[in-house]
Amino acid sequence: MPVEVRSDRRWAFDVDAETLWSAIAALDEYRRWWPWLRRFDGRALVAGDTWECLVQPPLPYTLRFGIDIHDVVPHRLVTASVHGDITGTARLELEPDGSGCDVRLQSALAPANGVLKAIARVARPVAQFGHDWVLDTGARQFRARGL
């Protein structure tokens, strides 16, 4: 039985949805914001684009994966599928909240290569830790840019 790592995270930001969306769409800044993102190749935050990523969590492995962008509703929503060392789906929603904006990220991901499948089967908490670390550290580093 495959091990799936599910997330449903929310973060509050003190900027409006348009400001937050502009930051999310600034793909050329991703590697500067997130040093654990060792490689990133994406053209734009638009439906049909594919982003290629190499991520180094604080664990003894790297993850190579692509993100296929499916739906994009500016200032509101992005849906995507993930393929490579991990596979699954992700959904990012921006919800205006007074003068700020809440972000909700939902994902369901599973290891796709043999080594990661074995780690996840034997040490599920390690797989969950790596996933949670990337999400929480990424949100903290994104917020540190003044959002």
Protein backbone atom coordinates (compact mmCIF):
# COMPACT_ATOMS: atom_id res chain seq x y z
CA MET A 1 0.00 0.00 0.00
CA PRO A 2 1.54 3.35 -1.02
CA VAL A 3 2.24 5.92 1.67
CA GLU A 4 0.53 9.22 0.96
CA VAL A 5 1.45 12.42 2.76
CA ARG A 6 -1.51 14.78 3.02
CA SER A 7 -1.40 18.41 4.08
CA ASP A 8 -3.97 21.07 4.72
CA ARG A 9 -2.12 24.19 5.87
CA ARG A 10 -3.25 27.79 6.38
CA TRP A 11 -1.20 30.94 6.81
CA ALA A 12 -2.38 34.52 7.36
CA PHE A 13 -0.66 37.43 5.63
CA ASP A 14 -1.02 41.16 6.36
CA VAL A 15 -1.29 42.14 2.70
CA ASP A 16 -4.18 42.04 0.24
CA ALA A 17 -4.66 39.22 -2.27
CA GLU A 18 -3.29 41.28 -5.19
CA THR A 19 -0.03 42.02 -3.37
CA LEU A 20 0.35 38.43 -2.26
CA TRP A 21 -0.44 37.12 -5.75
CA SER A 22 2.24 39.38 -7.26
CA ALA A 23 4.79 37.86 -4.89
CA ILE A 24 3.66 34.29 -5.60
CA ALA A 25 3.91 34.98 -9.34
CA ALA A 26 7.51 36.31 -9.04
CA LEU A 27 9.06 32.99 -10.08
CA ASP A 28 12.50 34.54 -10.65
CA GLU A 29 12.70 35.18 -6.86
CA TYR A 30 11.98 31.61 -5.71
CA ARG A 31 15.57 30.42 -5.44
CA ARG A 32 16.59 33.56 -3.54
CA TRP A 33 13.74 33.15 -1.03
CA TRP A 34 14.15 29.41 -0.59
CA PRO A 35 17.80 28.23 -0.48
CA TRP A 36 16.66 24.61 -0.11
CA LEU A 37 15.15 24.93 -3.62
CA ARG A 38 18.36 23.90 -5.37
CA ARG A 39 16.98 24.12 -8.90
CA PHE A 40 13.88 25.75 -10.31
CA ASP A 41 12.79 26.15 -13.91
CA GLY A 42 9.39 27.70 -14.55
CA ARG A 43 8.28 30.37 -16.98
CA ALA A 44 5.11 31.78 -15.43
CA LEU A 45 2.22 31.12 -13.09
CA VAL A 46 -0.16 30.19 -15.91
CA ALA A 47 -2.23 27.16 -16.79
CA GLY A 48 -0.25 24.77 -18.97
CA ASP A 49 3.20 25.66 -17.64
CA THR A 50 5.40 22.98 -16.07
CA TRP A 51 7.89 23.84 -13.35
CA GLU A 52 10.91 21.62 -12.74
CA CYS A 53 12.27 21.54 -9.17
CA LEU A 54 15.08 20.06 -7.10
CA VAL A 55 14.46 20.32 -3.35
CA GLN A 56 16.90 19.52 -0.52
CA PRO A 57 15.02 19.02 2.76
CA PRO A 58 17.08 18.56 5.95
CA LEU A 59 17.27 14.83 5.23
CA PRO A 60 19.82 12.69 3.39
CA TYR A 61 18.05 12.82 0.03
CA THR A 62 16.94 15.29 -2.63
CA LEU A 63 13.64 15.38 -4.46
CA ARG A 64 13.35 15.96 -8.20
CA PHE A 65 9.88 16.67 -9.46
CA GLY A 66 7.80 18.63 -11.91
CA ILE A 67 4.70 20.67 -11.20
CA ASP A 68 2.11 20.84 -13.97
CA ILE A 69 -0.02 23.95 -13.49
CA HIS A 70 -3.66 23.20 -14.35
CA ASP A 71 -6.01 25.94 -13.18
CA VAL A 72 -5.08 29.53 -12.44
CA VAL A 73 -7.57 32.12 -11.23
CA PRO A 74 -5.49 35.26 -10.54
CA HIS A 75 -5.58 36.43 -6.92
CA ARG A 76 -7.59 33.33 -5.91
CA LEU A 77 -6.53 29.82 -6.96
CA VAL A 78 -3.92 27.49 -8.44
CA THR A 79 -4.32 23.74 -8.94
CA ALA A 80 -1.49 21.49 -10.01
CA SER A 81 -0.29 17.92 -10.29
CA VAL A 82 3.16 16.74 -9.29
CA HIS A 83 5.29 14.10 -11.03
CA GLY A 84 8.79 12.73 -10.55
CA ASP A 85 10.25 11.49 -7.24
CA ILE A 86 6.88 12.41 -5.72
CA THR A 87 3.46 12.34 -7.35
CA GLY A 88 0.10 13.77 -6.47
CA THR A 89 -1.94 16.94 -6.45
CA ALA A 90 -1.86 20.37 -4.85
CA ARG A 91 -4.29 23.25 -4.50
CA LEU A 92 -3.39 26.81 -3.38
CA GLU A 93 -6.21 29.20 -2.45
CA LEU A 94 -6.02 32.87 -1.47
CA GLU A 95 -8.91 34.09 0.67
CA PRO A 96 -9.22 37.83 1.40
CA ASP A 97 -9.66 38.47 5.12
CA GLY A 98 -10.30 42.12 5.92
CA SER A 99 -7.15 44.02 4.95
CA GLY A 100 -5.10 40.82 4.79
CA CYS A 101 -5.23 37.48 3.05
CA ASP A 102 -5.29 33.85 4.16
CA VAL A 103 -3.50 31.20 2.13
CA ARG A 104 -4.60 27.58 2.17
CA LEU A 105 -2.43 24.84 0.69
CA GLN A 106 -3.84 21.36 0.32
CA SER A 107 -1.77 18.53 -1.09
CA ALA A 108 -1.78 14.76 -1.37
CA LEU A 109 1.65 13.45 -2.35
CA ALA A 110 3.24 10.02 -2.46
CA PRO A 111 6.79 8.86 -3.11
CA ALA A 112 7.29 7.49 -6.62
CA ASN A 113 10.87 6.22 -6.64
CA GLY A 114 12.07 3.06 -4.88
CA VAL A 115 14.27 4.70 -2.25
CA LEU A 116 11.62 7.19 -1.16
CA LYS A 117 8.93 4.50 -1.13
CA ALA A 118 11.11 2.37 1.17
CA ILE A 119 11.83 5.32 3.49
CA ALA A 120 8.14 6.22 3.63
CA ARG A 121 7.09 2.62 4.30
CA VAL A 122 9.64 2.04 7.04
CA ALA A 123 9.83 5.54 8.49
CA ARG A 124 6.61 7.36 7.66
CA PRO A 125 7.33 10.07 10.29
CA VAL A 126 10.56 10.91 8.41
CA ALA A 127 8.64 11.43 5.15
CA GLN A 128 6.04 13.53 6.96
CA PHE A 129 8.77 15.56 8.68
CA GLY A 130 10.49 16.34 5.36
CA HIS A 131 7.22 17.39 3.78
CA ASP A 132 6.13 19.53 6.74
CA TRP A 133 9.58 21.11 7.00
CA VAL A 134 9.49 22.27 3.37
CA LEU A 135 5.98 23.75 3.75
CA ASP A 136 6.50 25.45 7.11
CA THR A 137 10.02 26.70 6.36
CA GLY A 138 8.89 27.92 2.94
CA ALA A 139 5.98 29.87 4.43
CA ARG A 140 8.24 31.40 7.11
CA GLN A 141 10.87 32.40 4.52
CA PHE A 142 8.19 33.79 2.21
CA ARG A 143 6.75 35.87 5.06
CA ALA A 144 10.26 37.15 5.92
CA ARG A 145 10.26 39.10 2.65
CA GLY A 146 7.77 41.50 4.24
CA LEU A 147 4.46 39.87 3.41
